[in-house]
C-alpha atoms as a PDB file:
ATOM      1  CA  UNK A   1      -0.015   0.000   0.033  1.00  0.00           C
ATOM      2  CA  UNK A   2       1.395   3.417  -0.905  1.00  0.00           C
ATOM      3  CA  UNK A   3       1.383   6.390   1.389  1.00  0.00           C
ATOM      4  CA  UNK A   4      -0.671   9.486   0.747  1.00  0.00           C
ATOM      5  CA  UNK A   5       1.026  12.515  -0.580  1.00  0.00           C
ATOM      6  CA  UNK A   6       1.013  15.953   0.957  1.00  0.00           C
ATOM      7  CA  UNK A   7       2.047  19.460  -0.336  1.00  0.00           C
ATOM      8  CA  UNK A   8       5.341  21.196   0.348  1.00  0.00           C
ATOM      9  CA  UNK A   9       5.549  24.908  -0.610  1.00  0.00           C
ATOM     10  CA  UNK A  10       8.544  27.198  -1.599  1.00  0.00           C
ATOM     11  CA  UNK A  11       7.237  30.738  -0.891  1.00  0.00           C
ATOM     12  CA  UNK A  12      10.256  32.315  -2.543  1.00  0.00           C
ATOM     13  CA  UNK A  13       9.628  30.494  -5.890  1.00  0.00           C
ATOM     14  CA  UNK A  14       5.907  30.428  -5.554  1.00  0.00           C
ATOM     15  CA  UNK A  15       5.670  26.694  -6.305  1.00  0.00           C
ATOM     16  CA  UNK A  16       4.294  23.644  -4.557  1.00  0.00           C
ATOM     17  CA  UNK A  17       5.086  19.824  -4.867  1.00  0.00           C
ATOM     18  CA  UNK A  18       3.186  16.806  -3.768  1.00  0.00           C
ATOM     19  CA  UNK A  19       5.527  14.317  -2.022  1.00  0.00           C
ATOM     20  CA  UNK A  20       5.082  11.475   0.533  1.00  0.00           C
ATOM     21  CA  UNK A  21       5.053  12.857   4.087  1.00  0.00           C
ATOM     22  CA  UNK A  22       8.161  12.100   6.149  1.00  0.00           C
ATOM     23  CA  UNK A  23       8.478  13.927   9.402  1.00  0.00           C
ATOM     24  CA  UNK A  24      12.216  13.269   9.748  1.00  0.00           C
ATOM     25  CA  UNK A  25      13.183  14.542   6.251  1.00  0.00           C
ATOM     26  CA  UNK A  26      13.673  18.222   5.369  1.00  0.00           C
ATOM     27  CA  UNK A  27      12.411  18.911   1.789  1.00  0.00           C
ATOM     28  CA  UNK A  28      14.372  21.453  -0.251  1.00  0.00           C
ATOM     29  CA  UNK A  29      13.202  23.395  -3.203  1.00  0.00           C
ATOM     30  CA  UNK A  30      14.546  22.089  -6.564  1.00  0.00           C
ATOM     31  CA  UNK A  31      14.779  25.630  -8.016  1.00  0.00           C
ATOM     32  CA  UNK A  32      16.420  27.538  -5.176  1.00  0.00           C
ATOM     33  CA  UNK A  33      17.559  24.803  -2.683  1.00  0.00           C
ATOM     34  CA  UNK A  34      15.793  26.619   0.202  1.00  0.00           C
ATOM     35  CA  UNK A  35      13.803  24.602   2.715  1.00  0.00           C
ATOM     36  CA  UNK A  36      10.158  24.003   1.836  1.00  0.00           C
ATOM     37  CA  UNK A  37       7.247  24.402   4.221  1.00  0.00           C
ATOM     38  CA  UNK A  38       4.804  21.511   4.844  1.00  0.00           C
ATOM     39  CA  UNK A  39       1.402  22.869   3.802  1.00  0.00           C
ATOM     40  CA  UNK A  40      -0.863  19.799   4.197  1.00  0.00           C
ATOM     41  CA  UNK A  41      -2.703  17.414   2.126  1.00  0.00           C
ATOM     42  CA  UNK A  42      -5.719  19.687   1.418  1.00  0.00           C
ATOM     43  CA  UNK A  43      -3.572  22.512   0.087  1.00  0.00           C
ATOM     44  CA  UNK A  44      -4.527  24.062  -3.287  1.00  0.00           C
ATOM     45  CA  UNK A  45      -1.839  26.519  -4.638  1.00  0.00           C
ATOM     46  CA  UNK A  46      -2.817  29.910  -6.054  1.00  0.00           C
ATOM     47  CA  UNK A  47      -1.633  30.796  -9.505  1.00  0.00           C
ATOM     48  CA  UNK A  48       2.041  31.744  -9.556  1.00  0.00           C
ATOM     49  CA  UNK A  49       1.314  35.406 -10.907  1.00  0.00           C
ATOM     50  CA  UNK A  50      -1.273  35.994  -8.047  1.00  0.00           C
ATOM     51  CA  UNK A  51       1.126  37.823  -5.726  1.00  0.00           C
ATOM     52  CA  UNK A  52      -1.550  38.915  -3.254  1.00  0.00           C
ATOM     53  CA  UNK A  53      -2.655  35.374  -2.713  1.00  0.00           C
ATOM     54  CA  UNK A  54       0.868  34.208  -2.204  1.00  0.00           C
ATOM     55  CA  UNK A  55       1.478  37.012   0.349  1.00  0.00           C
ATOM     56  CA  UNK A  56      -1.709  36.020   2.286  1.00  0.00           C
ATOM     57  CA  UNK A  57      -0.390  32.314   2.109  1.00  0.00           C
ATOM     58  CA  UNK A  58       3.085  33.435   3.502  1.00  0.00           C
ATOM     59  CA  UNK A  59       1.301  34.940   6.542  1.00  0.00           C
ATOM     60  CA  UNK A  60      -0.754  31.805   7.097  1.00  0.00           C
ATOM     61  CA  UNK A  61       2.112  29.300   6.799  1.00  0.00           C
ATOM     62  CA  UNK A  62       4.521  31.401   8.921  1.00  0.00           C
ATOM     63  CA  UNK A  63       1.729  31.649  11.593  1.00  0.00           C
ATOM     64  CA  UNK A  64       1.534  27.864  11.701  1.00  0.00           C
ATOM     65  CA  UNK A  65      -1.761  27.511   9.943  1.00  0.00           C
ATOM     66  CA  UNK A  66      -1.827  24.377   7.797  1.00  0.00           C
ATOM     67  CA  UNK A  67      -4.205  22.939   5.142  1.00  0.00           C
ATOM     68  CA  UNK A  68      -4.888  19.460   6.593  1.00  0.00           C
ATOM     69  CA  UNK A  69      -7.992  17.489   6.012  1.00  0.00           C
ATOM     70  CA  UNK A  70     -10.447  17.167   8.863  1.00  0.00           C
ATOM     71  CA  UNK A  71     -13.054  14.549   9.601  1.00  0.00           C
ATOM     72  CA  UNK A  72     -15.563  16.503   7.375  1.00  0.00           C
ATOM     73  CA  UNK A  73     -13.335  16.666   4.307  1.00  0.00           C
ATOM     74  CA  UNK A  74     -11.463  20.021   4.141  1.00  0.00           C
ATOM     75  CA  UNK A  75      -9.213  22.242   6.115  1.00  0.00           C
ATOM     76  CA  UNK A  76     -11.978  24.790   6.924  1.00  0.00           C
ATOM     77  CA  UNK A  77     -11.852  28.552   6.213  1.00  0.00           C
ATOM     78  CA  UNK A  78      -8.612  30.149   5.038  1.00  0.00           C
ATOM     79  CA  UNK A  79      -8.312  33.804   3.903  1.00  0.00           C
ATOM     80  CA  UNK A  80      -7.535  34.089   0.239  1.00  0.00           C
ATOM     81  CA  UNK A  81      -6.528  37.821   0.104  1.00  0.00           C
ATOM     82  CA  UNK A  82      -4.580  40.490   1.882  1.00  0.00           C
ATOM     83  CA  UNK A  83      -7.738  42.273   2.965  1.00  0.00           C
ATOM     84  CA  UNK A  84      -8.992  39.171   4.764  1.00  0.00           C
ATOM     85  CA  UNK A  85      -5.602  38.682   6.363  1.00  0.00           C
ATOM     86  CA  UNK A  86      -5.439  42.327   7.586  1.00  0.00           C
ATOM     87  CA  UNK A  87      -8.870  42.130   9.099  1.00  0.00           C
ATOM     88  CA  UNK A  88      -8.078  39.028  11.082  1.00  0.00           C
ATOM     89  CA  UNK A  89      -4.688  40.333  12.181  1.00  0.00           C
ATOM     90  CA  UNK A  90      -6.233  43.561  13.473  1.00  0.00           C
ATOM     91  CA  UNK A  91      -8.912  41.396  15.297  1.00  0.00           C
ATOM     92  CA  UNK A  92      -6.124  39.260  16.896  1.00  0.00           C
ATOM     93  CA  UNK A  93      -4.239  42.432  18.040  1.00  0.00           C
ATOM     94  CA  UNK A  94      -7.347  44.064  19.506  1.00  0.00           C
ATOM     95  CA  UNK A  95      -8.824  41.017  21.240  1.00  0.00           C
ATOM     96  CA  UNK A  96      -5.719  39.333  22.440  1.00  0.00           C
ATOM     97  CA  UNK A  97      -6.690  36.169  20.327  1.00  0.00           C
ATOM     98  CA  UNK A  98      -3.725  34.047  19.014  1.00  0.00           C
ATOM     99  CA  UNK A  99      -2.936  35.053  15.423  1.00  0.00           C
ATOM    100  CA  UNK A 100      -3.238  31.351  14.208  1.00  0.00           C
ATOM    101  CA  UNK A 101      -6.761  31.168  15.602  1.00  0.00           C
ATOM    102  CA  UNK A 102      -7.838  34.582  14.215  1.00  0.00           C
ATOM    103  CA  UNK A 103      -6.620  33.766  10.742  1.00  0.00           C
ATOM    104  CA  UNK A 104      -8.842  30.712  10.449  1.00  0.00           C
ATOM    105  CA  UNK A 105     -12.015  32.478  11.872  1.00  0.00           C
ATOM    106  CA  UNK A 106     -14.802  32.678   9.253  1.00  0.00           C
ATOM    107  CA  UNK A 107     -16.371  35.944  10.523  1.00  0.00           C
ATOM    108  CA  UNK A 108     -14.556  38.617  12.300  1.00  0.00           C
ATOM    109  CA  UNK A 109     -16.684  40.773  14.727  1.00  0.00           C
END
């Protein structure tokens, strides 16, 4: 039986690759040789020229938010643009909520 594949992302090159998951192995980008970030098995990469979506993705991944499947099928809400990220970052700062929790919140009060 083969193992499921998961996505690894290079934020500098704006590329993602599906590879078998191995916790002990560090994946490096084949283009720039920088370490890649484990994004999860439910990750869908934005288009390479969509710079705003990649900036939002950078904030998400650096905050520790992943795109892992849950029992119901998907990873849940993830902001797709900078406006949504800014709204949630402002909410986290004002309310004292951890950034990772504020970023995955569907509605911001």
